[in-house]
Amino acid sequence: MQFTHYGGEAALLAVDLVNATTTGTPFTPGTLEPLLAARGTARRSLTAGEAAEVEAWSHRLAACFGPGDPEPRRETVNGLLAEAASKPYITVHDGHAPHLHYADPALGPVAHIRAVTAAALAHVICFAGHTRLGRCARTRCGLVFVDTSRNGRRAYCSVRCANNDAVARHRRRDGGADSDPGDNR
């Protein structure tokens, strides 16, 4: 499955942000900036207050992932879009073809992160389906992902979680240990 920059990289940024909240470590500029740079979202250094705002936003993004009824997920994304209150516009810079930007750079990095992640999740829901915003089926994991597989039936965040879950199911069937073979993701 193919996504545009905002439907792909920004959706993956939303995944990265939500998954970063699972560590329980508060966001800091030092931990957040490499994550943003990896997804092409870094514009300038963040303050500690901005990092905390992004962390709060990340907790709200988490409700957009996982199995369940699509209506609450659509309502959540619509709420995020309304709060982001972005005004998309067409731009050309750095020799790139015309493309959309979802937030005025003058509004700062938090507004940009909110706008692109909300727009990306909306893009995924509208053009690929709400089931593409998944949560790992392995009980002990809970990480989120965007399902980019052809058939849209991905259930795990990684091959490692799929394998660990399969081993745990096998052990339960054989009357062996009831434990998960590993908590490493």
C-alpha atoms as a PDB file:
ATOM      1  CA  MET A   1       0.000   0.000   0.000  1.00  0.00           C
ATOM      2  CA  GLN A   2       1.360   3.399  -0.961  1.00  0.00           C
ATOM      3  CA  PHE A   3       0.852   6.630   0.973  1.00  0.00           C
ATOM      4  CA  THR A   4       1.730  10.218   0.206  1.00  0.00           C
ATOM      5  CA  HIS A   5       4.247  12.008   2.430  1.00  0.00           C
ATOM      6  CA  TYR A   6       1.536  13.229   4.794  1.00  0.00           C
ATOM      7  CA  GLY A   7      -0.386  10.000   4.640  1.00  0.00           C
ATOM      8  CA  GLY A   8       2.762   7.966   5.157  1.00  0.00           C
ATOM      9  CA  GLU A   9       5.590   9.678   7.003  1.00  0.00           C
ATOM     10  CA  ALA A  10       3.240  11.782   9.111  1.00  0.00           C
ATOM     11  CA  ALA A  11       1.130   8.712   9.954  1.00  0.00           C
ATOM     12  CA  LEU A  12       4.333   6.914  10.924  1.00  0.00           C
ATOM     13  CA  LEU A  13       5.257   9.942  13.016  1.00  0.00           C
ATOM     14  CA  ALA A  14       1.940   9.522  14.851  1.00  0.00           C
ATOM     15  CA  VAL A  15       2.864   5.853  15.413  1.00  0.00           C
ATOM     16  CA  ASP A  16       6.317   6.814  16.698  1.00  0.00           C
ATOM     17  CA  LEU A  17       4.864   9.402  19.073  1.00  0.00           C
ATOM     18  CA  VAL A  18       2.228   7.041  20.484  1.00  0.00           C
ATOM     19  CA  ASN A  19       4.748   4.222  20.879  1.00  0.00           C
ATOM     20  CA  ALA A  20       7.193   6.574  22.598  1.00  0.00           C
ATOM     21  CA  THR A  21       4.578   7.208  25.294  1.00  0.00           C
ATOM     22  CA  THR A  22       4.560   3.498  26.198  1.00  0.00           C
ATOM     23  CA  THR A  23       8.016   3.770  27.752  1.00  0.00           C
ATOM     24  CA  GLY A  24       6.659   5.964  30.529  1.00  0.00           C
ATOM     25  CA  THR A  25       9.596   8.333  30.088  1.00  0.00           C
ATOM     26  CA  PRO A  26       8.525  11.967  29.730  1.00  0.00           C
ATOM     27  CA  PHE A  27       9.254  13.568  26.379  1.00  0.00           C
ATOM     28  CA  THR A  28      12.202  15.938  26.349  1.00  0.00           C
ATOM     29  CA  PRO A  29      13.621  17.975  23.487  1.00  0.00           C
ATOM     30  CA  GLY A  30      16.612  15.616  23.436  1.00  0.00           C
ATOM     31  CA  THR A  31      14.502  12.472  23.036  1.00  0.00           C
ATOM     32  CA  LEU A  32      11.856  13.973  20.782  1.00  0.00           C
ATOM     33  CA  GLU A  33      13.989  15.819  18.240  1.00  0.00           C
ATOM     34  CA  PRO A  34      15.698  12.698  16.770  1.00  0.00           C
ATOM     35  CA  LEU A  35      12.287  11.054  16.407  1.00  0.00           C
ATOM     36  CA  LEU A  36      10.955  14.117  14.556  1.00  0.00           C
ATOM     37  CA  ALA A  37      14.061  14.364  12.374  1.00  0.00           C
ATOM     38  CA  ALA A  38      13.722  10.702  11.369  1.00  0.00           C
ATOM     39  CA  ARG A  39      10.290  11.505   9.914  1.00  0.00           C
ATOM     40  CA  GLY A  40      11.360  14.769   8.269  1.00  0.00           C
ATOM     41  CA  THR A  41       9.428  16.914  10.720  1.00  0.00           C
ATOM     42  CA  ALA A  42      12.196  18.770  12.542  1.00  0.00           C
ATOM     43  CA  ARG A  43      12.022  22.488  11.912  1.00  0.00           C
ATOM     44  CA  ARG A  44      13.782  23.901  14.949  1.00  0.00           C
ATOM     45  CA  SER A  45      14.715  22.924  18.459  1.00  0.00           C
ATOM     46  CA  LEU A  46      11.884  22.340  20.883  1.00  0.00           C
ATOM     47  CA  THR A  47      11.520  23.771  24.358  1.00  0.00           C
ATOM     48  CA  ALA A  48      10.697  21.545  27.331  1.00  0.00           C
ATOM     49  CA  GLY A  49       7.179  23.004  27.319  1.00  0.00           C
ATOM     50  CA  GLU A  50       6.710  22.173  23.645  1.00  0.00           C
ATOM     51  CA  ALA A  51       7.953  18.625  24.232  1.00  0.00           C
ATOM     52  CA  ALA A  52       5.348  18.255  27.005  1.00  0.00           C
ATOM     53  CA  GLU A  53       2.625  19.532  24.637  1.00  0.00           C
ATOM     54  CA  VAL A  54       3.674  16.964  22.019  1.00  0.00           C
ATOM     55  CA  GLU A  55       3.575  14.241  24.686  1.00  0.00           C
ATOM     56  CA  ALA A  56       0.007  15.217  25.647  1.00  0.00           C
ATOM     57  CA  TRP A  57      -0.952  15.194  21.960  1.00  0.00           C
ATOM     58  CA  SER A  58       0.614  11.746  21.591  1.00  0.00           C
ATOM     59  CA  HIS A  59      -1.634  10.356  24.320  1.00  0.00           C
ATOM     60  CA  ARG A  60      -4.636  11.695  22.397  1.00  0.00           C
ATOM     61  CA  LEU A  61      -3.404  10.136  19.145  1.00  0.00           C
ATOM     62  CA  ALA A  62      -3.356   6.721  20.855  1.00  0.00           C
ATOM     63  CA  ALA A  63      -7.170   6.534  20.778  1.00  0.00           C
ATOM     64  CA  CYS A  64      -7.027   6.421  16.971  1.00  0.00           C
ATOM     65  CA  PHE A  65      -5.381   2.990  16.857  1.00  0.00           C
ATOM     66  CA  GLY A  66      -6.603  -0.527  17.448  1.00  0.00           C
ATOM     67  CA  PRO A  67      -9.529  -2.771  16.784  1.00  0.00           C
ATOM     68  CA  GLY A  68     -13.068  -1.707  17.327  1.00  0.00           C
ATOM     69  CA  ASP A  69     -15.914   0.355  15.997  1.00  0.00           C
ATOM     70  CA  PRO A  70     -14.844   2.861  13.332  1.00  0.00           C
ATOM     71  CA  GLU A  71     -17.239   5.611  14.430  1.00  0.00           C
ATOM     72  CA  PRO A  72     -15.480   6.560  17.697  1.00  0.00           C
ATOM     73  CA  ARG A  73     -12.168   6.536  15.827  1.00  0.00           C
ATOM     74  CA  ARG A  74     -13.543   8.892  13.165  1.00  0.00           C
ATOM     75  CA  GLU A  75     -14.941  11.152  15.873  1.00  0.00           C
ATOM     76  CA  THR A  76     -11.577  11.194  17.637  1.00  0.00           C
ATOM     77  CA  VAL A  77      -9.722  12.076  14.433  1.00  0.00           C
ATOM     78  CA  ASN A  78     -12.298  14.766  13.628  1.00  0.00           C
ATOM     79  CA  GLY A  79     -11.740  16.231  17.090  1.00  0.00           C
ATOM     80  CA  LEU A  80      -7.983  16.210  16.551  1.00  0.00           C
ATOM     81  CA  LEU A  81      -8.422  17.879  13.160  1.00  0.00           C
ATOM     82  CA  ALA A  82     -10.637  20.563  14.699  1.00  0.00           C
ATOM     83  CA  GLU A  83      -8.142  21.187  17.483  1.00  0.00           C
ATOM     84  CA  ALA A  84      -5.233  21.315  15.065  1.00  0.00           C
ATOM     85  CA  ALA A  85      -7.222  23.966  13.177  1.00  0.00           C
ATOM     86  CA  SER A  86      -4.793  23.879  10.303  1.00  0.00           C
ATOM     87  CA  LYS A  87      -5.180  25.784   7.084  1.00  0.00           C
ATOM     88  CA  PRO A  88      -3.610  23.665   4.354  1.00  0.00           C
ATOM     89  CA  TYR A  89      -1.896  25.541   1.570  1.00  0.00           C
ATOM     90  CA  ILE A  90       0.121  24.715  -1.542  1.00  0.00           C
ATOM     91  CA  THR A  91       3.810  25.540  -1.454  1.00  0.00           C
ATOM     92  CA  VAL A  92       6.946  25.076  -3.504  1.00  0.00           C
ATOM     93  CA  HIS A  93      10.339  25.163  -1.811  1.00  0.00           C
ATOM     94  CA  ASP A  94      13.762  23.590  -1.977  1.00  0.00           C
ATOM     95  CA  GLY A  95      13.204  22.546  -5.591  1.00  0.00           C
ATOM     96  CA  HIS A  96      10.264  20.293  -4.715  1.00  0.00           C
ATOM     97  CA  ALA A  97       7.127  20.026  -6.805  1.00  0.00           C
ATOM     98  CA  PRO A  98       4.036  21.825  -5.503  1.00  0.00           C
ATOM     99  CA  HIS A  99       2.748  20.108  -2.381  1.00  0.00           C
ATOM    100  CA  LEU A 100       0.531  20.740   0.621  1.00  0.00           C
ATOM    101  CA  HIS A 101       1.652  22.068   3.955  1.00  0.00           C
ATOM    102  CA  TYR A 102      -0.824  21.732   6.785  1.00  0.00           C
ATOM    103  CA  ALA A 103       0.384  24.434   9.163  1.00  0.00           C
ATOM    104  CA  ASP A 104       2.023  27.815   8.846  1.00  0.00           C
ATOM    105  CA  PRO A 105       5.676  27.464   9.947  1.00  0.00           C
ATOM    106  CA  ALA A 106       5.289  30.648  11.984  1.00  0.00           C
ATOM    107  CA  LEU A 107       2.914  28.792  14.322  1.00  0.00           C
ATOM    108  CA  GLY A 108       5.769  26.658  15.638  1.00  0.00           C
ATOM    109  CA  PRO A 109       6.604  22.969  15.797  1.00  0.00           C
ATOM    110  CA  VAL A 110       3.748  21.866  18.054  1.00  0.00           C
ATOM    111  CA  ALA A 111       1.127  23.261  15.670  1.00  0.00           C
ATOM    112  CA  HIS A 112       2.929  21.584  12.788  1.00  0.00           C
ATOM    113  CA  ILE A 113       3.069  18.211  14.573  1.00  0.00           C
ATOM    114  CA  ARG A 114      -0.604  18.408  15.499  1.00  0.00           C
ATOM    115  CA  ALA A 115      -1.661  19.379  11.987  1.00  0.00           C
ATOM    116  CA  VAL A 116       0.346  16.768  10.104  1.00  0.00           C
ATOM    117  CA  THR A 117      -0.423  13.860  12.428  1.00  0.00           C
ATOM    118  CA  ALA A 118      -4.165  14.602  12.529  1.00  0.00           C
ATOM    119  CA  ALA A 119      -4.266  15.051   8.738  1.00  0.00           C
ATOM    120  CA  ALA A 120      -2.267  11.856   8.221  1.00  0.00           C
ATOM    121  CA  LEU A 121      -4.583   9.743  10.372  1.00  0.00           C
ATOM    122  CA  ALA A 122      -7.563  11.228   8.542  1.00  0.00           C
ATOM    123  CA  HIS A 123      -5.865  10.397   5.249  1.00  0.00           C
ATOM    124  CA  VAL A 124      -5.337   6.778   6.297  1.00  0.00           C
ATOM    125  CA  ILE A 125      -8.953   6.391   7.452  1.00  0.00           C
ATOM    126  CA  CYS A 126     -10.387   7.996   4.306  1.00  0.00           C
ATOM    127  CA  PHE A 127      -8.170   6.380   1.695  1.00  0.00           C
ATOM    128  CA  ALA A 128      -7.147   3.072   3.252  1.00  0.00           C
ATOM    129  CA  GLY A 129      -9.668   2.359   6.019  1.00  0.00           C
ATOM    130  CA  HIS A 130      -9.759   2.606   9.800  1.00  0.00           C
ATOM    131  CA  THR A 131      -8.516  -0.964  10.205  1.00  0.00           C
ATOM    132  CA  ARG A 132      -5.115   0.152   8.872  1.00  0.00           C
ATOM    133  CA  LEU A 133      -4.517   1.947  12.191  1.00  0.00           C
ATOM    134  CA  GLY A 134      -3.685  -1.101  14.271  1.00  0.00           C
ATOM    135  CA  ARG A 135      -2.560  -2.068  17.739  1.00  0.00           C
ATOM    136  CA  CYS A 136      -0.349  -5.122  18.268  1.00  0.00           C
ATOM    137  CA  ALA A 137      -2.383  -8.272  18.963  1.00  0.00           C
ATOM    138  CA  ARG A 138       0.244  -9.605  21.358  1.00  0.00           C
ATOM    139  CA  THR A 139      -1.192  -9.128  24.836  1.00  0.00           C
ATOM    140  CA  ARG A 140       2.015  -7.921  26.441  1.00  0.00           C
ATOM    141  CA  CYS A 141       2.875  -5.424  23.710  1.00  0.00           C
ATOM    142  CA  GLY A 142       0.236  -2.865  22.782  1.00  0.00           C
ATOM    143  CA  LEU A 143       2.401  -0.872  20.352  1.00  0.00           C
ATOM    144  CA  VAL A 144       0.549   0.748  17.467  1.00  0.00           C
ATOM    145  CA  PHE A 145       1.267   0.603  13.734  1.00  0.00           C
ATOM    146  CA  VAL A 146      -0.014   1.651  10.325  1.00  0.00           C
ATOM    147  CA  ASP A 147      -0.767  -1.457   8.299  1.00  0.00           C
ATOM    148  CA  THR A 148       0.838  -0.945   4.900  1.00  0.00           C
ATOM    149  CA  SER A 149       0.473  -4.574   3.832  1.00  0.00           C
ATOM    150  CA  ARG A 150      -1.304  -5.371   0.584  1.00  0.00           C
ATOM    151  CA  ASN A 151      -4.160  -7.266   2.166  1.00  0.00           C
ATOM    152  CA  GLY A 152      -4.555  -5.025   5.230  1.00  0.00           C
ATOM    153  CA  ARG A 153      -4.624  -7.914   7.701  1.00  0.00           C
ATOM    154  CA  ARG A 154      -1.559  -7.164   9.775  1.00  0.00           C
ATOM    155  CA  ALA A 155      -2.134  -7.968  13.445  1.00  0.00           C
ATOM    156  CA  TYR A 156       1.276  -7.414  15.050  1.00  0.00           C
ATOM    157  CA  CYS A 157       3.623  -4.460  15.334  1.00  0.00           C
ATOM    158  CA  SER A 158       6.608  -6.574  14.287  1.00  0.00           C
ATOM    159  CA  VAL A 159       7.650 -10.016  13.129  1.00  0.00           C
ATOM    160  CA  ARG A 160       9.191 -10.550  16.570  1.00  0.00           C
ATOM    161  CA  CYS A 161       5.829 -10.032  18.304  1.00  0.00           C
ATOM    162  CA  ALA A 162       4.079 -12.313  15.794  1.00  0.00           C
ATOM    163  CA  ASN A 163       6.656 -15.043  16.384  1.00  0.00           C
ATOM    164  CA  ASN A 164       6.583 -14.670  20.179  1.00  0.00           C
ATOM    165  CA  ASP A 165       2.791 -14.883  20.141  1.00  0.00           C
ATOM    166  CA  ALA A 166       2.883 -17.982  17.920  1.00  0.00           C
ATOM    167  CA  VAL A 167       5.386 -19.669  20.257  1.00  0.00           C
ATOM    168  CA  ALA A 168       3.223 -18.803  23.285  1.00  0.00           C
ATOM    169  CA  ARG A 169       0.129 -20.275  21.582  1.00  0.00           C
ATOM    170  CA  HIS A 170       2.098 -23.417  20.690  1.00  0.00           C
ATOM    171  CA  ARG A 171       3.330 -23.834  24.267  1.00  0.00           C
ATOM    172  CA  ARG A 172      -0.209 -23.440  25.619  1.00  0.00           C
ATOM    173  CA  ARG A 173      -1.516 -26.087  23.211  1.00  0.00           C
ATOM    174  CA  ASP A 174       1.228 -28.503  24.204  1.00  0.00           C
ATOM    175  CA  GLY A 175       0.573 -27.971  27.908  1.00  0.00           C
ATOM    176  CA  GLY A 176       3.915 -26.286  28.395  1.00  0.00           C
ATOM    177  CA  ALA A 177       4.719 -22.982  29.941  1.00  0.00           C
ATOM    178  CA  ASP A 178       1.950 -20.408  29.737  1.00  0.00           C
ATOM    179  CA  SER A 179       4.395 -17.583  29.449  1.00  0.00           C
ATOM    180  CA  ASP A 180       5.207 -15.376  26.535  1.00  0.00           C
ATOM    181  CA  PRO A 181       8.622 -16.373  25.136  1.00  0.00           C
ATOM    182  CA  GLY A 182       9.939 -12.851  25.313  1.00  0.00           C
ATOM    183  CA  ASP A 183       9.058  -9.307  26.122  1.00  0.00           C
ATOM    184  CA  ASN A 184      11.546  -7.858  23.682  1.00  0.00           C
ATOM    185  CA  ARG A 185       9.975  -5.980  20.847  1.00  0.00           C
END
